[in-house]
Each structure stands twice: as C-alpha cells, then as structure tokens.
Protein backbone atom coordinates (compact mmCIF):
# COMPACT_ATOMS: atom_id res chain seq x y z
CA MET A 1 18.53 -12.04 -2.10
CA SER A 2 16.62 -10.13 -4.97
CA HIS A 3 18.22 -7.35 -6.77
CA PRO A 4 15.67 -4.79 -7.99
CA SER A 5 15.71 -4.34 -11.55
CA ARG A 6 14.82 -1.30 -14.15
CA GLN A 7 11.22 -2.25 -14.13
CA ASP A 8 11.02 -2.85 -10.37
CA TRP A 9 11.89 0.97 -10.08
CA LEU A 10 9.52 1.92 -12.40
CA ILE A 11 6.97 -0.08 -10.71
CA LEU A 12 7.81 1.39 -7.32
CA ALA A 13 7.34 4.84 -8.94
CA ALA A 14 3.92 3.87 -10.75
CA LEU A 15 2.74 2.67 -7.16
CA GLY A 16 3.74 5.95 -5.45
CA LEU A 17 1.99 8.16 -8.22
CA ILE A 18 -1.08 5.44 -7.98
CA TRP A 19 -1.61 5.61 -4.29
CA GLY A 20 -0.81 9.01 -3.70
CA ALA A 21 -3.43 10.12 -6.57
CA SER A 22 -5.93 8.00 -4.88
CA PHE A 23 -6.68 10.24 -2.18
CA MET A 24 -8.21 13.04 -4.63
CA GLY A 25 -10.58 9.99 -5.70
CA MET A 26 -11.24 9.09 -1.74
CA ALA A 27 -12.04 12.67 -1.19
CA ILE A 28 -14.72 12.73 -3.62
CA ALA A 29 -16.16 9.29 -3.19
CA LEU A 30 -16.41 9.93 0.78
CA LYS A 31 -18.84 12.77 -0.18
CA GLY A 32 -21.35 9.77 -1.61
CA PHE A 33 -20.16 6.82 0.65
CA ALA A 34 -19.03 6.35 4.34
CA PRO A 35 -15.33 5.29 4.91
CA LEU A 36 -15.93 1.51 5.28
CA THR A 37 -18.66 1.21 2.55
CA LEU A 38 -16.01 2.89 0.22
CA ALA A 39 -13.18 0.13 1.09
CA ALA A 40 -15.58 -2.44 0.47
CA GLY A 41 -16.87 -1.13 -2.64
CA ARG A 42 -13.62 -0.47 -3.96
CA ILE A 43 -12.11 -4.13 -3.17
CA ALA A 44 -15.41 -5.53 -4.29
CA LEU A 45 -15.12 -4.12 -7.36
CA GLY A 46 -11.36 -4.60 -7.99
CA ALA A 47 -12.19 -8.44 -7.09
CA VAL A 48 -14.54 -8.64 -9.87
CA VAL A 49 -12.39 -6.86 -12.34
CA LEU A 50 -9.49 -9.13 -11.68
CA THR A 51 -11.37 -12.69 -11.51
CA VAL A 52 -12.67 -11.96 -15.17
CA PHE A 53 -9.36 -10.66 -16.22
CA ALA A 54 -7.75 -13.93 -14.76
CA LYS A 55 -10.40 -16.04 -16.46
CA ALA A 56 -10.33 -14.22 -19.76
CA SER A 57 -6.65 -14.64 -20.19
CA GLY A 58 -6.49 -18.39 -18.94
CA ARG A 59 -4.71 -18.26 -15.72
CA LYS A 60 -6.22 -20.11 -12.64
CA MET A 61 -5.68 -20.57 -9.10
CA PRO A 62 -4.42 -24.35 -8.37
CA SER A 63 -6.66 -26.41 -6.66
CA VAL A 64 -6.58 -26.29 -2.92
CA PHE A 65 -5.54 -30.16 -3.20
CA ALA A 66 -2.89 -29.67 -5.98
CA PRO A 67 0.84 -29.89 -4.86
CA LYS A 68 1.50 -26.48 -2.82
CA GLY A 69 -2.30 -25.15 -3.38
CA MET A 70 -2.91 -24.95 -0.08
CA ALA A 71 -0.38 -22.84 0.88
CA ILE A 72 -1.15 -20.68 -2.18
CA TRP A 73 -4.47 -20.30 -1.02
CA ALA A 74 -3.43 -19.26 2.76
CA ALA A 75 -0.86 -16.74 1.19
CA ALA A 76 -4.01 -15.46 -1.16
CA ILE A 77 -6.15 -15.06 1.83
CA GLY A 78 -3.42 -14.07 4.28
CA MET A 79 -2.84 -11.31 2.05
CA GLY A 80 -6.36 -10.28 1.70
CA ILE A 81 -6.77 -9.90 5.00
CA PHE A 82 -3.76 -8.13 6.01
CA SER A 83 -2.89 -5.97 3.01
CA ASN A 84 -6.58 -5.21 2.43
CA ALA A 85 -9.30 -5.79 4.59
CA LEU A 86 -8.18 -5.60 8.07
CA PRO A 87 -5.93 -2.21 7.48
CA PHE A 88 -8.82 -0.62 5.59
CA PHE A 89 -10.63 -1.39 8.69
CA LEU A 90 -8.36 -0.23 11.15
CA LEU A 91 -7.48 3.04 9.61
CA GLY A 92 -11.36 3.70 8.70
CA TRP A 93 -12.10 3.27 12.81
CA ALA A 94 -8.80 5.10 13.81
CA GLN A 95 -8.94 8.17 11.77
CA TYR A 96 -12.17 9.34 13.65
CA HIS A 97 -10.29 9.97 16.87
CA VAL A 98 -6.81 10.83 15.92
CA ALA A 99 -5.15 13.89 13.79
CA SER A 100 -5.20 13.29 10.11
CA GLY A 101 -1.77 13.51 9.55
CA PHE A 102 -0.98 10.73 12.00
CA ALA A 103 -1.87 8.19 9.53
CA GLY A 104 0.44 8.95 7.18
CA VAL A 105 3.45 9.17 9.77
CA SER A 106 2.29 5.60 10.93
CA MET A 107 2.38 4.42 7.31
CA ALA A 108 5.93 6.01 6.76
CA ALA A 109 6.95 3.44 9.46
CA GLY A 110 5.71 0.72 7.36
CA PRO A 111 9.25 0.17 6.09
CA LEU A 112 11.02 -0.51 9.24
CA ILE A 113 8.38 -2.91 10.38
CA THR A 114 8.96 -4.58 7.03
CA LEU A 115 12.77 -4.36 7.42
CA VAL A 116 12.69 -6.33 10.95
CA LEU A 117 9.91 -8.49 9.78
CA ALA A 118 12.10 -9.86 6.41
CA HIS A 119 15.13 -9.86 8.41
CA PHE A 120 13.46 -13.04 10.18
CA PHE A 121 11.26 -14.61 7.53
CA ILE A 122 13.00 -13.59 4.02
CA VAL A 123 16.26 -15.13 3.40
CA GLY A 124 18.82 -12.63 2.21
CA GLU A 125 17.03 -9.61 3.35
CA ASN A 126 18.96 -8.92 6.61
CA ILE A 127 18.85 -6.07 8.60
CA THR A 128 22.04 -3.70 7.73
CA LEU A 129 23.14 -0.60 9.02
CA ARG A 130 23.09 1.26 5.76
CA ARG A 131 19.58 0.13 5.35
CA PHE A 132 18.40 1.05 8.69
CA ILE A 133 19.99 4.27 8.36
CA GLY A 134 18.23 5.01 5.01
CA ILE A 135 14.68 3.63 6.01
CA ILE A 136 15.20 6.15 9.44
CA ILE A 137 16.17 9.30 7.04
CA GLY A 138 13.13 8.67 4.99
CA PHE A 139 10.86 8.48 7.50
CA ALA A 140 11.97 11.64 8.72
CA GLY A 141 11.54 13.00 5.21
CA VAL A 142 7.78 12.18 5.59
CA ALA A 143 7.39 13.49 9.10
CA VAL A 144 9.00 16.57 8.11
CA LEU A 145 6.19 16.96 5.27
CA ILE A 146 3.38 16.13 7.13
CA GLY A 147 4.61 18.50 10.12
CA PRO A 148 4.21 18.59 13.90
CA SER A 149 0.23 18.73 13.33
CA ALA A 150 0.20 14.77 13.17
CA LEU A 151 0.99 14.83 16.93
CA GLN A 152 -1.16 17.06 18.21
CA SER A 153 -3.68 15.68 20.34
CA ARG A 154 -7.37 15.94 19.94
CA GLY A 155 -8.11 15.25 23.07
CA GLY A 156 -10.40 12.37 22.71
CA ASP A 157 -10.68 9.65 25.01
CA MET A 158 -9.50 6.54 22.39
CA GLU A 159 -6.82 8.59 20.78
CA ASN A 160 -3.72 6.77 22.35
CA ILE A 161 -5.68 3.44 21.37
CA ALA A 162 -6.26 4.87 18.17
CA ARG A 163 -2.59 5.70 17.29
CA ILE A 164 -1.72 1.99 18.23
CA VAL A 165 -4.28 1.10 15.84
CA CYS A 166 -2.84 3.13 13.25
CA ILE A 167 0.55 1.76 13.56
CA SER A 168 -1.08 -1.66 13.60
CA ALA A 169 -2.29 -0.80 10.12
CA ALA A 170 1.08 -0.04 9.08
CA ALA A 171 2.11 -3.48 10.39
CA CYS A 172 -0.66 -5.41 8.56
CA TYR A 173 0.79 -4.13 5.23
CA SER A 174 4.09 -5.25 6.12
CA ILE A 175 2.94 -8.55 7.14
CA GLY A 176 0.72 -8.68 3.91
CA SER A 177 4.13 -8.20 2.06
CA ILE A 178 6.07 -10.72 4.06
CA VAL A 179 3.20 -13.43 2.91
CA ALA A 180 2.81 -12.60 -0.56
CA ARG A 181 6.77 -13.08 -0.98
CA LEU A 182 6.79 -16.65 0.92
CA CYS A 183 3.81 -17.70 -1.17
CA PRO A 184 4.82 -20.77 -3.41
CA ASP A 185 5.33 -19.89 -7.11
CA VAL A 186 1.86 -19.11 -8.86
CA ASP A 187 0.49 -16.73 -11.77
CA ARG A 188 0.02 -13.63 -10.45
CA ARG A 189 -2.83 -12.68 -12.06
CA ALA A 190 -4.87 -15.17 -10.57
CA PHE A 191 -3.17 -14.76 -7.55
CA SER A 192 -3.89 -11.01 -6.98
CA ALA A 193 -7.77 -11.85 -8.05
CA ALA A 194 -7.69 -14.23 -5.24
CA VAL A 195 -6.24 -11.86 -2.76
CA LEU A 196 -9.06 -9.14 -3.62
CA VAL A 197 -11.72 -11.85 -3.52
CA SER A 198 -10.57 -13.19 -0.12
CA GLY A 199 -10.46 -9.49 1.07
CA ALA A 200 -14.01 -8.60 -0.35
CA MET A 201 -15.60 -11.53 1.39
CA LEU A 202 -14.26 -10.26 4.61
CA ILE A 203 -14.62 -6.52 4.26
CA LEU A 204 -18.06 -6.63 3.07
CA PRO A 205 -20.10 -8.12 6.15
CA VAL A 206 -17.96 -5.92 8.26
CA ALA A 207 -18.94 -2.91 5.95
CA LEU A 208 -22.62 -3.97 5.77
CA TRP A 209 -22.65 -4.69 9.69
CA GLN A 210 -21.29 -1.23 10.72
CA GLU A 211 -22.64 1.24 7.93
CA GLY A 212 -25.63 -0.65 6.58
CA LEU A 213 -26.72 0.34 2.71
CA PRO A 214 -26.82 3.74 1.54
CA THR A 215 -29.62 5.55 2.53
CA GLN A 216 -29.32 8.23 -0.54
CA VAL A 217 -28.54 7.54 -4.20
CA PRO A 218 -24.91 8.80 -4.63
CA THR A 219 -23.69 11.33 -6.73
CA ALA A 220 -22.50 10.61 -10.36
CA SER A 221 -18.69 11.82 -9.23
CA ALA A 222 -18.87 9.90 -6.04
CA ILE A 223 -19.77 6.51 -7.94
CA ALA A 224 -17.42 7.65 -10.74
CA ALA A 225 -14.46 8.23 -7.86
CA ILE A 226 -15.18 4.70 -6.36
CA ILE A 227 -15.22 2.98 -10.28
CA LEU A 228 -11.74 4.47 -10.68
CA LEU A 229 -10.44 3.61 -7.21
CA GLY A 230 -11.67 -0.06 -7.67
CA LEU A 231 -9.69 -0.25 -11.22
CA ILE A 232 -6.61 1.57 -10.71
CA PRO A 233 -5.42 1.79 -6.86
CA THR A 234 -7.01 -1.39 -6.07
CA ALA A 235 -7.20 -3.97 -9.09
CA LEU A 236 -3.92 -2.82 -11.20
CA ALA A 237 -2.02 -1.82 -8.15
CA GLN A 238 -2.44 -5.00 -6.28
CA ILE A 239 -1.06 -6.88 -9.50
CA LEU A 240 2.03 -4.41 -9.22
CA VAL A 241 2.22 -5.11 -5.70
CA VAL A 242 2.24 -8.81 -6.01
CA THR A 243 4.71 -8.28 -8.98
CA LEU A 244 7.19 -6.24 -7.20
CA VAL A 245 7.18 -8.30 -3.87
CA ARG A 246 7.95 -11.11 -5.84
CA ASP A 247 10.55 -10.23 -7.83
CA ALA A 248 12.20 -7.48 -5.53
CA GLY A 249 11.11 -8.20 -1.90
CA PRO A 250 8.94 -6.75 0.80
CA THR A 251 11.59 -4.39 1.97
CA PHE A 252 12.41 -2.61 -1.21
CA THR A 253 8.50 -2.80 -1.88
CA SER A 254 7.73 -0.96 1.27
CA LEU A 255 9.62 2.07 0.21
CA VAL A 256 6.53 3.02 -1.93
CA ASN A 257 5.30 4.40 1.62
CA TYR A 258 7.74 7.51 1.26
CA GLN A 259 6.20 8.38 -2.09
CA VAL A 260 2.58 8.41 -1.49
CA PRO A 261 2.52 11.48 0.75
CA VAL A 262 4.61 13.15 -1.54
CA TRP A 263 2.52 12.74 -4.48
CA SER A 264 -0.63 13.31 -2.44
CA VAL A 265 0.55 16.60 -1.52
CA ILE A 266 1.47 17.47 -5.22
CA LEU A 267 -1.42 16.45 -6.93
CA GLY A 268 -3.73 18.10 -4.40
CA SER A 269 -1.91 21.49 -5.15
CA VAL A 270 -2.31 20.74 -9.20
CA PHE A 271 -5.74 19.50 -9.31
CA LEU A 272 -7.34 20.45 -6.27
CA ARG A 273 -5.43 24.25 -5.71
CA GLU A 274 -4.13 23.07 -2.11
CA THR A 275 -1.09 25.04 -0.80
CA LEU A 276 2.15 23.23 -1.16
CA PRO A 277 3.96 23.35 2.39
CA PRO A 278 7.24 24.83 2.36
CA SER A 279 8.57 21.72 4.02
CA LEU A 280 8.05 19.92 0.82
CA PHE A 281 11.40 20.39 -0.95
CA TRP A 282 13.44 19.54 2.13
CA ALA A 283 11.10 16.63 2.96
CA MET A 284 11.69 15.24 -0.59
CA GLY A 285 15.46 15.75 -0.18
CA LEU A 286 15.29 13.54 2.86
CA ILE A 287 13.15 10.85 1.21
CA LEU A 288 15.56 10.46 -1.70
CA MET A 289 18.26 10.29 0.42
CA GLY A 290 17.10 7.75 2.60
CA VAL A 291 15.98 5.42 -0.56
CA ALA A 292 19.56 6.14 -2.03
CA ILE A 293 21.36 4.74 1.21
CA SER A 294 18.93 1.98 1.68
CA GLN A 295 19.15 1.03 -2.07
CA ALA A 296 22.71 1.92 -2.61
CA GLY A 297 23.70 -1.53 -3.90
CA ALA A 298 20.61 -2.18 -5.90
CA LEU A 299 21.35 1.48 -7.26
CA LYS A 300 24.94 0.89 -8.20
CA ARG A 301 23.98 -2.44 -9.80
CA LEU A 302 21.38 -0.69 -12.26
CA PHE A 303 23.64 1.97 -13.19
CA SER A 304 26.55 -0.19 -13.95
CA SER A 305 24.28 -2.36 -16.17
CA GLN A 306 22.61 0.64 -17.92
CA LYS A 307 26.46 1.73 -18.72
CA LYS A 308 27.14 -1.52 -19.90
CA SER A 309 24.34 -1.56 -22.28
CA SER A 310 25.08 1.82 -23.91
CA THR A 311 28.67 0.58 -24.72
C-alpha cells in the first residue's frame, strides 16, 4: 500500500491550483475556439511538448516487443482514452444539456468511484469505513459550494442522458488513474508523452468531424489561452498526475477533484471579480474535514516523520 509523502501532498495541492486556474483559461479560449476544438488543441499541444521534452532528456518508451512493452503501451493508450479524449468529449457534449454546476458535482463523485474501483483492482487500497466517510464528507463540501442550482432542471429532452454522461466522464477519470497505477514500471516523462499522443490521435478526428476547422481567426487572447492550457494544465499536469498515481495511488490522487472547484471560485473572484459564494468557507471546512478523515493515517505518518526530522 502506498503512503503519501510530503512531496505527494505538495503535488496534490499544485494540481488543484493548476486545474482550478484552468477554468479561467478555458473561459477565454472558448471565445475563439469551439469546445471540442479547444480540447483537441490543448491535448495535441501538450503531446508535442512532452514528446520533445522526453526526447531531449533521453527518455523513451520501450518497444511493443520488449518485455512488458505491450502492457505499457496498452496502459498509455488506455489512459489517453479514459483520462483525456473520452471525458473531454463526453463533458463537451453534456454541458450543452445540463446546468453548468452539475458537471462540478459529477467530478466530485470521482473519489468515490475511484475508491470502489481501487478496492477491486489495486492491492492495498481497500475500502474502509474511515475512507468512505471522509470521501462522502468531501463530496458534500463540493455540493455545498456549488449549491442547489447544480440540480435544477433545464427542461431539455436530453437532460437525464446528459447527467448520466457527466457521471460517466467522472468514471473515465477514475478508470484512467487505475490503468496508470497498474502499468508496469516505465519512465514517467515518456509515458506521459505517450498518453497525450494517444489522446490527441483519438480526439482530433472527432473534433474535426463535429466542429470542423475554425471559420474565423481566433483572437490573440484565445490563442494565448489555448497555448497556456496546453503547456500547464495539460502537459505539466499529465506528468504530475502520473507521478502522483504511481507514488501515492489513485484514491489519494482523486482527492484533487475536491480542490478544483474551490480554487476555481477563489481565482475567479481575484482575477475576474466574480462574487464569492457565502457557502465557500462552509464548503472548504467540509472538504478539509473529508480529506483529513480519509487520509488520517497518511497525515499522522507525515507529521510524525516531520517531528522526527526536526529533533
């Protein structure tokens, strides 16, 4: 069983901030790009950046015919599908039919889905009452933050199907993290590059089929936004996710889903002058309580090791 280190906690916090900030970038990029085109563009750019980075640093994926090579490539393709191409496609479609907050609540279900999947597929990541209670409390915190508007009906014919699709997207991310954890040991930079290359090859044709090429030249701000999205929340975040899943496990990694909406709200208030919801501090309290309960053992080991190192 993996025990999160101090570095793992820092990576978890960094991912929450990075993905929380990405919503501002997406809001700007969507003024010049359609949703699927935006998703395909940022994944493709991230794939190029990580491929160049991996080659420049001498990292490479093993051949398919090497020992465990086929399993490694299968994991890279699987993560490319379930952590990138498929959920981006599903969410891009579903958000036309559901209230905007419902997607946030759906993503907060990710840790619970991951907990169940990890119980059956990852040695040592068993469901315990403490973990289950902590994750439920964290989910409640996100629900409080987003509020009842997430559950309001828009009256569309496809709304119920779209809600199922949102939950399916959350399950995709969970499956992707399980796949990454089960992958045989491999260089993480090269593996991350292969994941994004796989995702790009899958989503680019779908984006072209659904939305075609842009008919107007995007604004400079939209182009800058998609470049930043490709570099940081896609390329850098992919390496961080792979590292965290491999070192600390998928259940721990899934806790980032609780941070993302909090950072999104805070950063939106600071940079976009959006109004902070009055439920923010209650929500943060519940989320922190949920994380503390679900990771009580890891926190105890972390603080005890810090105490020993300081004496």
